[in-house]
Amino acid sequence: MVGKRLDVDAVDAWADANDVECLYFLAPGDDEAAAHAAEGAGFRLMDVRVELARDAESGEQIEGIREATDADTAALRAIASGSHGGTRFYADPNFPDDRCRVFYDTWIRRSLEGWAAGVLVADVDDAPRGYVSCHLDGGTGSIGLIAVDESARGSGLGSDLSRAAVAWCAERGADRMTVVTQGRNVPALRTFQRAGFLPSSLDLWFHKWYDR
């Protein structure tokens, strides 16, 4: 559920009618009333959602970064399963870690199958060590999922992948680029800022669980 106001009774009735176990509520960061209403209704704060944006500009090909092929699937799924631990799903103790790993495994697999407009891969020593999925919506491009294998973190690969995604989307008509990350994920925020992104909005994710 996304919005500026929370009708608690209507939300709970809908959840009961649809046998929902977990409900998400996204409150604008500048709307204290919405956040207070969520807390009063039994929602728990799980994440600070930070969106960053920049102009999309084409650039030179970055060495070691290429478009994914079917042969990369197993390696990228393995990277996905060992990454993304700073997200709200891992932060929520009601979601088992093994199910979170399956979630991101499925996300990158579906992205490779065509859900994303494209997936770029970063090779190190002739092996995939990172990926970024790219989406296009009119004149706006976005980064969907980005990860670097633990063995290659701290090398600047994340910033290279981010810049490559910007160029890839610009070459396909995008004039603006966005990405979303977690407020607690300082390394990711620094990575995107090094790639030219600046914060554009901040919102709060709340979760509510129901006994079923």
N, C-alpha and C. Protein backbone atom coordinates (compact mmCIF):
# COMPACT_ATOMS: atom_id res chain seq x y z
N MET A 1 0.84 -1.18 0.00
CA MET A 1 0.00 0.00 0.00
C MET A 1 0.87 1.23 0.00
N VAL A 2 0.58 2.20 -0.87
CA VAL A 2 1.36 3.42 -0.97
C VAL A 2 0.41 4.59 -0.89
N GLY A 3 0.74 5.57 -0.07
CA GLY A 3 -0.12 6.73 0.00
C GLY A 3 0.21 7.63 1.15
N LYS A 4 -0.46 8.77 1.22
CA LYS A 4 -0.17 9.75 2.26
C LYS A 4 -1.09 9.60 3.47
N ARG A 5 -2.14 8.85 3.36
CA ARG A 5 -3.05 8.68 4.47
C ARG A 5 -3.32 7.19 4.67
N LEU A 6 -3.60 6.83 5.91
CA LEU A 6 -3.79 5.42 6.22
C LEU A 6 -5.13 5.24 6.92
N ASP A 7 -6.10 4.65 6.23
CA ASP A 7 -7.40 4.31 6.80
C ASP A 7 -7.25 2.94 7.43
N VAL A 8 -6.95 2.92 8.74
CA VAL A 8 -6.58 1.69 9.42
C VAL A 8 -7.67 0.62 9.30
N ASP A 9 -8.92 1.00 9.57
CA ASP A 9 -10.00 0.02 9.53
C ASP A 9 -10.16 -0.59 8.14
N ALA A 10 -10.09 0.26 7.12
CA ALA A 10 -10.25 -0.24 5.74
C ALA A 10 -9.08 -1.14 5.36
N VAL A 11 -7.87 -0.78 5.80
CA VAL A 11 -6.69 -1.58 5.49
C VAL A 11 -6.79 -2.96 6.13
N ASP A 12 -7.15 -3.00 7.41
CA ASP A 12 -7.25 -4.28 8.11
C ASP A 12 -8.37 -5.14 7.53
N ALA A 13 -9.48 -4.51 7.14
CA ALA A 13 -10.59 -5.26 6.54
C ALA A 13 -10.17 -5.87 5.21
N TRP A 14 -9.43 -5.09 4.42
CA TRP A 14 -8.97 -5.60 3.13
C TRP A 14 -8.00 -6.76 3.35
N ALA A 15 -7.09 -6.62 4.30
CA ALA A 15 -6.13 -7.69 4.58
C ALA A 15 -6.84 -8.96 5.02
N ASP A 16 -7.87 -8.83 5.86
CA ASP A 16 -8.64 -9.99 6.31
C ASP A 16 -9.36 -10.65 5.14
N ALA A 17 -9.98 -9.82 4.30
CA ALA A 17 -10.76 -10.35 3.18
C ALA A 17 -9.88 -11.08 2.16
N ASN A 18 -8.62 -10.67 2.06
CA ASN A 18 -7.73 -11.24 1.07
C ASN A 18 -6.69 -12.18 1.67
N ASP A 19 -6.87 -12.49 2.96
CA ASP A 19 -5.99 -13.45 3.65
C ASP A 19 -4.52 -13.04 3.54
N VAL A 20 -4.26 -11.76 3.71
CA VAL A 20 -2.90 -11.22 3.61
C VAL A 20 -2.16 -11.45 4.92
N GLU A 21 -0.94 -11.94 4.82
CA GLU A 21 -0.12 -12.15 6.02
C GLU A 21 0.76 -10.95 6.34
N CYS A 22 1.27 -10.28 5.31
CA CYS A 22 2.14 -9.13 5.52
C CYS A 22 1.74 -8.01 4.57
N LEU A 23 1.57 -6.82 5.12
CA LEU A 23 1.17 -5.66 4.34
C LEU A 23 2.26 -4.61 4.41
N TYR A 24 2.56 -3.99 3.27
CA TYR A 24 3.57 -2.93 3.22
C TYR A 24 2.87 -1.58 3.14
N PHE A 25 3.44 -0.58 3.80
CA PHE A 25 2.94 0.79 3.69
C PHE A 25 4.12 1.71 3.47
N LEU A 26 4.06 2.53 2.41
CA LEU A 26 5.13 3.47 2.09
C LEU A 26 4.65 4.87 2.43
N ALA A 27 5.28 5.47 3.44
CA ALA A 27 4.90 6.80 3.89
C ALA A 27 5.91 7.83 3.40
N PRO A 28 5.44 8.95 2.85
CA PRO A 28 6.38 10.00 2.46
C PRO A 28 7.20 10.45 3.67
N GLY A 29 8.48 10.69 3.45
CA GLY A 29 9.36 11.02 4.56
C GLY A 29 9.00 12.31 5.26
N ASP A 30 8.27 13.20 4.60
CA ASP A 30 7.91 14.48 5.21
C ASP A 30 6.49 14.49 5.77
N ASP A 31 5.86 13.32 5.86
CA ASP A 31 4.48 13.23 6.35
C ASP A 31 4.48 12.54 7.72
N GLU A 32 4.68 13.32 8.78
CA GLU A 32 4.73 12.75 10.13
C GLU A 32 3.42 12.08 10.51
N ALA A 33 2.31 12.65 10.06
CA ALA A 33 1.00 12.09 10.43
C ALA A 33 0.85 10.67 9.89
N ALA A 34 1.32 10.44 8.65
CA ALA A 34 1.22 9.10 8.07
C ALA A 34 2.08 8.11 8.84
N ALA A 35 3.28 8.53 9.21
CA ALA A 35 4.17 7.65 9.97
C ALA A 35 3.59 7.33 11.34
N HIS A 36 3.02 8.33 12.01
CA HIS A 36 2.42 8.10 13.32
C HIS A 36 1.21 7.18 13.22
N ALA A 37 0.41 7.37 12.16
CA ALA A 37 -0.76 6.51 11.96
C ALA A 37 -0.34 5.07 11.73
N ALA A 38 0.73 4.87 10.97
CA ALA A 38 1.22 3.52 10.72
C ALA A 38 1.68 2.86 12.01
N GLU A 39 2.44 3.59 12.81
CA GLU A 39 2.90 3.04 14.08
C GLU A 39 1.74 2.70 15.00
N GLY A 40 0.73 3.59 15.03
CA GLY A 40 -0.44 3.35 15.87
C GLY A 40 -1.27 2.17 15.42
N ALA A 41 -1.17 1.82 14.14
CA ALA A 41 -1.94 0.71 13.59
C ALA A 41 -1.19 -0.61 13.64
N GLY A 42 -0.02 -0.62 14.25
CA GLY A 42 0.72 -1.87 14.38
C GLY A 42 1.74 -2.12 13.30
N PHE A 43 1.99 -1.14 12.44
CA PHE A 43 3.05 -1.27 11.43
C PHE A 43 4.40 -0.99 12.09
N ARG A 44 5.43 -1.68 11.61
CA ARG A 44 6.79 -1.47 12.12
C ARG A 44 7.67 -0.90 11.01
N LEU A 45 8.46 0.10 11.36
CA LEU A 45 9.37 0.68 10.38
C LEU A 45 10.44 -0.33 10.01
N MET A 46 10.62 -0.56 8.70
CA MET A 46 11.58 -1.55 8.22
C MET A 46 12.68 -0.97 7.35
N ASP A 47 12.43 0.19 6.77
CA ASP A 47 13.42 0.69 5.83
C ASP A 47 13.21 2.17 5.57
N VAL A 48 14.31 2.86 5.30
CA VAL A 48 14.27 4.21 4.77
C VAL A 48 14.59 4.10 3.28
N ARG A 49 13.62 4.45 2.46
CA ARG A 49 13.77 4.32 1.01
C ARG A 49 14.33 5.62 0.44
N VAL A 50 15.50 5.54 -0.17
CA VAL A 50 16.13 6.72 -0.76
C VAL A 50 16.17 6.56 -2.27
N GLU A 51 15.58 7.50 -2.98
CA GLU A 51 15.67 7.51 -4.44
C GLU A 51 16.69 8.56 -4.85
N LEU A 52 17.56 8.19 -5.77
CA LEU A 52 18.57 9.10 -6.31
C LEU A 52 18.35 9.23 -7.81
N ALA A 53 18.78 10.35 -8.36
CA ALA A 53 18.57 10.59 -9.79
C ALA A 53 19.74 11.39 -10.37
N ARG A 54 19.85 11.32 -11.67
CA ARG A 54 20.83 12.12 -12.42
C ARG A 54 20.40 12.17 -13.88
N ASP A 55 21.01 13.07 -14.64
CA ASP A 55 20.77 13.08 -16.08
C ASP A 55 21.38 11.83 -16.69
N ALA A 56 20.74 11.32 -17.72
CA ALA A 56 21.28 10.16 -18.43
C ALA A 56 22.11 10.64 -19.60
N GLU A 57 23.36 10.23 -19.63
CA GLU A 57 24.27 10.62 -20.70
C GLU A 57 25.03 9.40 -21.18
N SER A 58 25.20 9.31 -22.49
CA SER A 58 26.00 8.20 -23.02
C SER A 58 27.46 8.43 -22.66
N GLY A 59 28.20 7.35 -22.58
CA GLY A 59 29.61 7.46 -22.22
C GLY A 59 30.42 6.38 -22.91
N GLU A 60 31.71 6.40 -22.64
CA GLU A 60 32.59 5.41 -23.24
C GLU A 60 32.35 4.04 -22.63
N GLN A 61 32.59 3.02 -23.41
CA GLN A 61 32.49 1.65 -22.92
C GLN A 61 33.47 1.44 -21.78
N ILE A 62 32.97 0.89 -20.65
CA ILE A 62 33.83 0.63 -19.50
C ILE A 62 34.40 -0.77 -19.64
N GLU A 63 35.71 -0.87 -19.57
CA GLU A 63 36.37 -2.16 -19.76
C GLU A 63 35.87 -3.19 -18.75
N GLY A 64 35.57 -4.38 -19.26
CA GLY A 64 35.13 -5.47 -18.40
C GLY A 64 33.64 -5.54 -18.19
N ILE A 65 32.88 -4.58 -18.71
CA ILE A 65 31.42 -4.60 -18.55
C ILE A 65 30.78 -4.86 -19.91
N ARG A 66 29.87 -5.80 -19.93
CA ARG A 66 29.23 -6.24 -21.17
C ARG A 66 27.80 -6.63 -20.88
N GLU A 67 27.04 -6.90 -21.94
CA GLU A 67 25.67 -7.38 -21.76
C GLU A 67 25.68 -8.86 -21.38
N ALA A 68 24.74 -9.23 -20.54
CA ALA A 68 24.66 -10.61 -20.06
C ALA A 68 24.21 -11.55 -21.18
N THR A 69 24.62 -12.82 -21.05
CA THR A 69 24.15 -13.87 -21.95
C THR A 69 23.56 -15.00 -21.09
N ASP A 70 22.95 -15.95 -21.74
CA ASP A 70 22.38 -17.08 -21.01
C ASP A 70 23.44 -17.84 -20.20
N ALA A 71 24.66 -17.81 -20.68
CA ALA A 71 25.74 -18.53 -19.99
C ALA A 71 26.08 -17.92 -18.63
N ASP A 72 25.63 -16.69 -18.38
CA ASP A 72 25.92 -16.02 -17.11
C ASP A 72 24.91 -16.36 -16.01
N THR A 73 23.83 -17.03 -16.36
CA THR A 73 22.72 -17.18 -15.42
C THR A 73 23.13 -17.77 -14.08
N ALA A 74 23.83 -18.88 -14.09
CA ALA A 74 24.19 -19.54 -12.83
C ALA A 74 25.06 -18.65 -11.96
N ALA A 75 26.05 -18.00 -12.57
CA ALA A 75 26.95 -17.15 -11.80
C ALA A 75 26.23 -15.95 -11.20
N LEU A 76 25.32 -15.34 -11.96
CA LEU A 76 24.60 -14.17 -11.45
C LEU A 76 23.60 -14.56 -10.37
N ARG A 77 22.99 -15.72 -10.50
CA ARG A 77 22.09 -16.18 -9.45
C ARG A 77 22.86 -16.45 -8.16
N ALA A 78 24.07 -16.95 -8.27
CA ALA A 78 24.88 -17.19 -7.07
C ALA A 78 25.25 -15.86 -6.41
N ILE A 79 25.57 -14.84 -7.20
CA ILE A 79 25.88 -13.52 -6.64
C ILE A 79 24.65 -12.95 -5.95
N ALA A 80 23.49 -13.08 -6.59
CA ALA A 80 22.26 -12.55 -6.01
C ALA A 80 21.95 -13.20 -4.67
N SER A 81 22.17 -14.50 -4.58
CA SER A 81 21.85 -15.22 -3.34
C SER A 81 22.74 -14.79 -2.18
N GLY A 82 23.92 -14.25 -2.49
CA GLY A 82 24.84 -13.84 -1.43
C GLY A 82 24.90 -12.34 -1.24
N SER A 83 23.98 -11.61 -1.86
CA SER A 83 23.98 -10.15 -1.79
C SER A 83 22.63 -9.65 -1.25
N HIS A 84 22.47 -8.34 -1.21
CA HIS A 84 21.21 -7.68 -0.87
C HIS A 84 20.80 -7.88 0.59
N GLY A 85 21.75 -8.17 1.47
CA GLY A 85 21.42 -8.39 2.87
C GLY A 85 21.00 -7.15 3.61
N GLY A 86 21.16 -5.98 3.03
CA GLY A 86 20.76 -4.74 3.71
C GLY A 86 19.36 -4.29 3.39
N THR A 87 18.58 -5.10 2.70
CA THR A 87 17.24 -4.67 2.29
C THR A 87 16.21 -4.89 3.39
N ARG A 88 15.02 -4.33 3.18
CA ARG A 88 13.97 -4.41 4.21
C ARG A 88 13.47 -5.83 4.43
N PHE A 89 13.61 -6.68 3.44
CA PHE A 89 13.14 -8.06 3.61
C PHE A 89 14.05 -8.82 4.57
N TYR A 90 15.35 -8.61 4.44
CA TYR A 90 16.27 -9.21 5.40
C TYR A 90 16.11 -8.56 6.78
N ALA A 91 15.77 -7.28 6.81
CA ALA A 91 15.63 -6.57 8.09
C ALA A 91 14.41 -7.03 8.87
N ASP A 92 13.40 -7.54 8.17
CA ASP A 92 12.18 -8.01 8.82
C ASP A 92 12.40 -9.44 9.31
N PRO A 93 12.41 -9.66 10.64
CA PRO A 93 12.71 -11.00 11.16
C PRO A 93 11.66 -12.05 10.80
N ASN A 94 10.50 -11.60 10.32
CA ASN A 94 9.46 -12.56 9.94
C ASN A 94 9.72 -13.18 8.57
N PHE A 95 10.62 -12.61 7.80
CA PHE A 95 11.02 -13.21 6.53
C PHE A 95 12.28 -14.02 6.75
N PRO A 96 12.24 -15.35 6.62
CA PRO A 96 13.46 -16.16 6.80
C PRO A 96 14.51 -15.79 5.76
N ASP A 97 15.77 -15.82 6.17
CA ASP A 97 16.84 -15.45 5.24
C ASP A 97 16.85 -16.32 3.99
N ASP A 98 16.51 -17.59 4.13
CA ASP A 98 16.55 -18.46 2.95
C ASP A 98 15.51 -18.04 1.93
N ARG A 99 14.36 -17.54 2.41
CA ARG A 99 13.34 -17.07 1.48
C ARG A 99 13.76 -15.75 0.83
N CYS A 100 14.49 -14.91 1.57
CA CYS A 100 15.01 -13.68 0.98
C CYS A 100 16.01 -14.00 -0.13
N ARG A 101 16.85 -15.01 0.11
CA ARG A 101 17.82 -15.40 -0.92
C ARG A 101 17.11 -15.89 -2.18
N VAL A 102 16.03 -16.66 -1.99
CA VAL A 102 15.25 -17.13 -3.13
C VAL A 102 14.63 -15.95 -3.88
N PHE A 103 14.16 -14.96 -3.12
CA PHE A 103 13.54 -13.77 -3.72
C PHE A 103 14.49 -13.08 -4.69
N TYR A 104 15.74 -12.84 -4.26
CA TYR A 104 16.69 -12.13 -5.13
C TYR A 104 17.23 -13.03 -6.22
N ASP A 105 17.33 -14.32 -5.95
CA ASP A 105 17.67 -15.28 -7.00
C ASP A 105 16.63 -15.22 -8.11
N THR A 106 15.35 -15.20 -7.72
CA THR A 106 14.27 -15.15 -8.70
C THR A 106 14.27 -13.82 -9.44
N TRP A 107 14.57 -12.74 -8.74
CA TRP A 107 14.57 -11.40 -9.34
C TRP A 107 15.59 -11.33 -10.48
N ILE A 108 16.83 -11.76 -10.21
CA ILE A 108 17.83 -11.66 -11.27
C ILE A 108 17.54 -12.65 -12.39
N ARG A 109 17.02 -13.83 -12.05
CA ARG A 109 16.69 -14.80 -13.10
C ARG A 109 15.62 -14.24 -14.03
N ARG A 110 14.58 -13.67 -13.46
CA ARG A 110 13.51 -13.10 -14.28
C ARG A 110 14.02 -11.90 -15.09
N SER A 111 14.94 -11.14 -14.50
CA SER A 111 15.51 -10.00 -15.24
C SER A 111 16.25 -10.50 -16.48
N LEU A 112 16.98 -11.60 -16.34
CA LEU A 112 17.71 -12.17 -17.47
C LEU A 112 16.75 -12.74 -18.51
N GLU A 113 15.58 -13.16 -18.06
CA GLU A 113 14.60 -13.75 -18.98
C GLU A 113 13.77 -12.71 -19.72
N GLY A 114 14.00 -11.42 -19.41
CA GLY A 114 13.30 -10.38 -20.16
C GLY A 114 12.49 -9.41 -19.34
N TRP A 115 12.39 -9.63 -18.03
CA TRP A 115 11.64 -8.67 -17.21
C TRP A 115 12.33 -7.31 -17.20
N ALA A 116 13.67 -7.31 -17.19
CA ALA A 116 14.43 -6.07 -17.32
C ALA A 116 14.69 -5.79 -18.79
N ALA A 117 14.88 -4.53 -19.11
CA ALA A 117 15.21 -4.18 -20.50
C ALA A 117 16.58 -4.72 -20.88
N GLY A 118 17.47 -4.81 -19.90
CA GLY A 118 18.79 -5.35 -20.14
C GLY A 118 19.51 -5.61 -18.84
N VAL A 119 20.48 -6.49 -18.87
CA VAL A 119 21.32 -6.79 -17.71
C VAL A 119 22.77 -6.70 -18.16
N LEU A 120 23.55 -5.93 -17.41
CA LEU A 120 24.98 -5.79 -17.69
C LEU A 120 25.78 -6.58 -16.66
N VAL A 121 26.91 -7.12 -17.11
CA VAL A 121 27.76 -7.95 -16.27
C VAL A 121 29.15 -7.35 -16.21
N ALA A 122 29.75 -7.39 -15.01
CA ALA A 122 31.14 -6.97 -14.84
C ALA A 122 32.01 -8.22 -14.67
N ASP A 123 32.99 -8.37 -15.54
CA ASP A 123 33.92 -9.51 -15.47
C ASP A 123 35.21 -9.10 -14.77
N VAL A 124 35.70 -9.97 -13.91
CA VAL A 124 37.01 -9.82 -13.30
C VAL A 124 37.71 -11.17 -13.45
N ASP A 125 38.89 -11.16 -14.02
CA ASP A 125 39.62 -12.41 -14.27
C ASP A 125 38.77 -13.41 -15.07
N ASP A 126 38.08 -12.87 -16.08
CA ASP A 126 37.29 -13.68 -17.01
C ASP A 126 36.10 -14.38 -16.35
N ALA A 127 35.63 -13.87 -15.22
CA ALA A 127 34.47 -14.46 -14.56
C ALA A 127 33.53 -13.34 -14.10
N PRO A 128 32.21 -13.56 -14.17
CA PRO A 128 31.26 -12.54 -13.70
C PRO A 128 31.42 -12.27 -12.21
N ARG A 129 31.54 -10.99 -11.86
CA ARG A 129 31.71 -10.61 -10.46
C ARG A 129 30.70 -9.54 -10.04
N GLY A 130 29.81 -9.17 -10.94
CA GLY A 130 28.79 -8.19 -10.59
C GLY A 130 27.78 -8.05 -11.71
N TYR A 131 26.65 -7.44 -11.38
CA TYR A 131 25.60 -7.23 -12.39
C TYR A 131 24.79 -6.00 -12.05
N VAL A 132 24.10 -5.48 -13.06
CA VAL A 132 23.11 -4.42 -12.87
C VAL A 132 22.00 -4.64 -13.89
N SER A 133 20.76 -4.57 -13.42
CA SER A 133 19.63 -4.68 -14.35
C SER A 133 19.12 -3.29 -14.67
N CYS A 134 18.75 -3.08 -15.92
CA CYS A 134 18.34 -1.77 -16.43
C CYS A 134 16.89 -1.83 -16.90
N HIS A 135 16.14 -0.78 -16.58
CA HIS A 135 14.74 -0.68 -16.99
C HIS A 135 14.52 0.64 -17.72
N LEU A 136 13.58 0.65 -18.64
CA LEU A 136 13.25 1.84 -19.41
C LEU A 136 11.75 2.12 -19.34
N ASP A 137 11.41 3.38 -19.10
CA ASP A 137 10.01 3.80 -19.06
C ASP A 137 9.94 5.17 -19.71
N GLY A 138 9.69 5.18 -21.01
CA GLY A 138 9.71 6.43 -21.74
C GLY A 138 11.09 7.04 -21.72
N GLY A 139 11.18 8.27 -21.26
CA GLY A 139 12.47 8.95 -21.21
C GLY A 139 13.24 8.75 -19.94
N THR A 140 12.75 7.85 -19.09
CA THR A 140 13.43 7.59 -17.81
C THR A 140 13.97 6.18 -17.77
N GLY A 141 15.24 6.06 -17.42
CA GLY A 141 15.85 4.77 -17.19
C GLY A 141 16.03 4.56 -15.70
N SER A 142 16.16 3.32 -15.29
CA SER A 142 16.36 3.05 -13.86
C SER A 142 17.19 1.79 -13.66
N ILE A 143 17.88 1.78 -12.53
CA ILE A 143 18.60 0.60 -12.09
C ILE A 143 17.65 -0.20 -11.22
N GLY A 144 17.45 -1.47 -11.59
CA GLY A 144 16.54 -2.31 -10.81
C GLY A 144 17.27 -3.05 -9.71
N LEU A 145 18.25 -3.84 -10.06
CA LEU A 145 18.99 -4.66 -9.11
C LEU A 145 20.47 -4.56 -9.46
N ILE A 146 21.28 -4.32 -8.44
CA ILE A 146 22.73 -4.21 -8.66
C ILE A 146 23.44 -4.92 -7.52
N ALA A 147 24.48 -5.67 -7.86
CA ALA A 147 25.23 -6.39 -6.83
C ALA A 147 26.64 -6.67 -7.32
N VAL A 148 27.55 -6.74 -6.37
CA VAL A 148 28.94 -7.11 -6.64
C VAL A 148 29.29 -8.28 -5.74
N ASP A 149 29.91 -9.29 -6.31
CA ASP A 149 30.32 -10.44 -5.53
C ASP A 149 31.25 -10.02 -4.39
N GLU A 150 31.15 -10.72 -3.27
CA GLU A 150 31.93 -10.35 -2.09
C GLU A 150 33.42 -10.26 -2.39
N SER A 151 33.91 -11.10 -3.29
CA SER A 151 35.34 -11.13 -3.61
C SER A 151 35.81 -9.87 -4.32
N ALA A 152 34.88 -9.10 -4.89
CA ALA A 152 35.26 -7.92 -5.68
C ALA A 152 34.77 -6.61 -5.07
N ARG A 153 34.18 -6.66 -3.89
CA ARG A 153 33.67 -5.44 -3.27
C ARG A 153 34.81 -4.53 -2.82
N GLY A 154 34.54 -3.23 -2.89
CA GLY A 154 35.54 -2.25 -2.52
C GLY A 154 36.50 -1.88 -3.64
N SER A 155 36.25 -2.42 -4.83
CA SER A 155 37.15 -2.18 -5.97
C SER A 155 36.64 -1.11 -6.92
N GLY A 156 35.46 -0.54 -6.64
CA GLY A 156 34.87 0.44 -7.54
C GLY A 156 33.99 -0.16 -8.60
N LEU A 157 33.77 -1.48 -8.53
CA LEU A 157 32.98 -2.15 -9.56
C LEU A 157 31.53 -1.68 -9.55
N GLY A 158 30.99 -1.39 -8.37
CA GLY A 158 29.61 -0.92 -8.28
C GLY A 158 29.41 0.40 -8.99
N SER A 159 30.36 1.33 -8.83
CA SER A 159 30.26 2.61 -9.52
C SER A 159 30.41 2.43 -11.03
N ASP A 160 31.30 1.54 -11.45
CA ASP A 160 31.45 1.26 -12.88
C ASP A 160 30.15 0.70 -13.46
N LEU A 161 29.54 -0.23 -12.75
CA LEU A 161 28.27 -0.79 -13.22
C LEU A 161 27.18 0.28 -13.29
N SER A 162 27.16 1.16 -12.30
CA SER A 162 26.15 2.23 -12.29
C SER A 162 26.32 3.16 -13.47
N ARG A 163 27.57 3.57 -13.74
CA ARG A 163 27.82 4.44 -14.89
C ARG A 163 27.50 3.73 -16.21
N ALA A 164 27.81 2.44 -16.27
CA ALA A 164 27.50 1.68 -17.48
C ALA A 164 25.99 1.60 -17.71
N ALA A 165 25.23 1.46 -16.62
CA ALA A 165 23.77 1.41 -16.74
C ALA A 165 23.23 2.75 -17.24
N VAL A 166 23.79 3.85 -16.76
CA VAL A 166 23.38 5.17 -17.23
C VAL A 166 23.61 5.30 -18.73
N ALA A 167 24.80 4.93 -19.18
CA ALA A 167 25.12 5.04 -20.60
C ALA A 167 24.24 4.12 -21.44
N TRP A 168 24.00 2.90 -20.94
CA TRP A 168 23.18 1.92 -21.67
C TRP A 168 21.77 2.47 -21.88
N CYS A 169 21.19 3.05 -20.83
CA CYS A 169 19.84 3.59 -20.94
C CYS A 169 19.80 4.84 -21.81
N ALA A 170 20.84 5.70 -21.69
CA ALA A 170 20.89 6.91 -22.51
C ALA A 170 20.95 6.57 -23.99
N GLU A 171 21.71 5.54 -24.31
CA GLU A 171 21.82 5.13 -25.71
C GLU A 171 20.51 4.60 -26.27
N ARG A 172 19.57 4.29 -25.39
CA ARG A 172 18.26 3.79 -25.80
C ARG A 172 17.14 4.80 -25.55
N GLY A 173 17.52 6.06 -25.42
CA GLY A 173 16.53 7.14 -25.40
C GLY A 173 16.24 7.77 -24.05
N ALA A 174 16.82 7.28 -22.98
CA ALA A 174 16.55 7.86 -21.66
C ALA A 174 17.31 9.17 -21.50
N ASP A 175 16.65 10.16 -20.89
CA ASP A 175 17.35 11.41 -20.58
C ASP A 175 17.46 11.64 -19.08
N ARG A 176 16.85 10.73 -18.31
CA ARG A 176 16.93 10.82 -16.85
C ARG A 176 17.12 9.41 -16.30
N MET A 177 17.83 9.30 -15.20
CA MET A 177 18.14 8.00 -14.61
C MET A 177 17.84 8.02 -13.12
N THR A 178 17.24 6.94 -12.60
CA THR A 178 16.93 6.85 -11.18
C THR A 178 17.41 5.52 -10.62
N VAL A 179 17.57 5.50 -9.30
CA VAL A 179 17.91 4.26 -8.59
C VAL A 179 17.39 4.41 -7.16
N VAL A 180 16.99 3.30 -6.57
CA VAL A 180 16.48 3.30 -5.19
C VAL A 180 17.38 2.40 -4.35
N THR A 181 17.70 2.87 -3.14
CA THR A 181 18.46 2.05 -2.20
C THR A 181 17.97 2.30 -0.79
N GLN A 182 18.62 1.67 0.18
CA GLN A 182 18.22 1.77 1.58
C GLN A 182 19.03 2.87 2.27
N GLY A 183 18.36 3.60 3.15
CA GLY A 183 19.04 4.65 3.88
C GLY A 183 20.17 4.13 4.75
N ARG A 184 20.04 2.87 5.22
CA ARG A 184 21.08 2.29 6.07
C ARG A 184 22.29 1.80 5.26
N ASN A 185 22.13 1.73 3.94
CA ASN A 185 23.17 1.17 3.09
C ASN A 185 24.12 2.29 2.64
N VAL A 186 24.98 2.72 3.55
CA VAL A 186 25.90 3.81 3.25
C VAL A 186 26.83 3.48 2.08
N PRO A 187 27.40 2.26 2.00
CA PRO A 187 28.25 1.95 0.85
C PRO A 187 27.53 2.12 -0.49
N ALA A 188 26.25 1.71 -0.55
CA ALA A 188 25.50 1.86 -1.80
C ALA A 188 25.27 3.34 -2.11
N LEU A 189 24.93 4.12 -1.10
CA LEU A 189 24.72 5.55 -1.33
C LEU A 189 26.00 6.20 -1.87
N ARG A 190 27.13 5.83 -1.33
CA ARG A 190 28.40 6.38 -1.81
C ARG A 190 28.69 5.91 -3.23
N THR A 191 28.38 4.65 -3.50
CA THR A 191 28.59 4.12 -4.85
C THR A 191 27.81 4.93 -5.88
N PHE A 192 26.53 5.16 -5.61
CA PHE A 192 25.70 5.89 -6.57
C PHE A 192 26.11 7.35 -6.67
N GLN A 193 26.51 7.94 -5.56
CA GLN A 193 26.95 9.33 -5.63
C GLN A 193 28.24 9.47 -6.44
N ARG A 194 29.14 8.49 -6.33
CA ARG A 194 30.35 8.51 -7.15
C ARG A 194 30.02 8.39 -8.63
N ALA A 195 28.87 7.77 -8.93
CA ALA A 195 28.44 7.63 -10.33
C ALA A 195 27.58 8.81 -10.78
N GLY A 196 27.51 9.86 -9.96
CA GLY A 196 26.80 11.07 -10.38
C GLY A 196 25.37 11.20 -9.93
N PHE A 197 24.87 10.25 -9.15
CA PHE A 197 23.51 10.32 -8.65
C PHE A 197 23.44 11.20 -7.40
N LEU A 198 22.33 11.91 -7.24
CA LEU A 198 22.07 12.71 -6.04
C LEU A 198 20.70 12.36 -5.48
N PRO A 199 20.52 12.40 -4.15
CA PRO A 199 19.22 12.07 -3.56
C PRO A 199 18.11 12.98 -4.09
N SER A 200 16.95 12.39 -4.40
CA SER A 200 15.81 13.17 -4.89
C SER A 200 14.58 13.01 -4.03
N SER A 201 14.47 11.90 -3.26
CA SER A 201 13.32 11.74 -2.36
C SER A 201 13.68 10.73 -1.28
N LEU A 202 12.93 10.81 -0.17
CA LEU A 202 13.14 9.90 0.96
C LEU A 202 11.78 9.52 1.51
N ASP A 203 11.52 8.21 1.62
CA ASP A 203 10.25 7.71 2.13
C ASP A 203 10.52 6.61 3.15
N LEU A 204 9.46 6.19 3.84
CA LEU A 204 9.59 5.20 4.91
C LEU A 204 8.74 3.97 4.60
N TRP A 205 9.37 2.80 4.64
CA TRP A 205 8.66 1.54 4.45
C TRP A 205 8.27 0.96 5.82
N PHE A 206 6.98 0.63 5.96
CA PHE A 206 6.46 -0.03 7.15
C PHE A 206 5.90 -1.39 6.75
N HIS A 207 6.03 -2.38 7.65
CA HIS A 207 5.43 -3.70 7.47
C HIS A 207 4.47 -3.97 8.62
N LYS A 208 3.36 -4.64 8.30
CA LYS A 208 2.45 -5.13 9.34
C LYS A 208 2.14 -6.60 9.05
N TRP A 209 2.30 -7.42 10.09
CA TRP A 209 2.02 -8.84 9.97
C TRP A 209 0.72 -9.20 10.67
N TYR A 210 -0.02 -10.13 10.07
CA TYR A 210 -1.30 -10.59 10.62
C TYR A 210 -1.19 -12.08 10.96
N ASP A 211 -1.82 -12.47 12.04
CA ASP A 211 -1.88 -13.88 12.41
C ASP A 211 -2.91 -14.58 11.53
N ARG A 212 -2.47 -15.60 10.80
CA ARG A 212 -3.38 -16.34 9.91
C ARG A 212 -3.37 -17.83 10.28
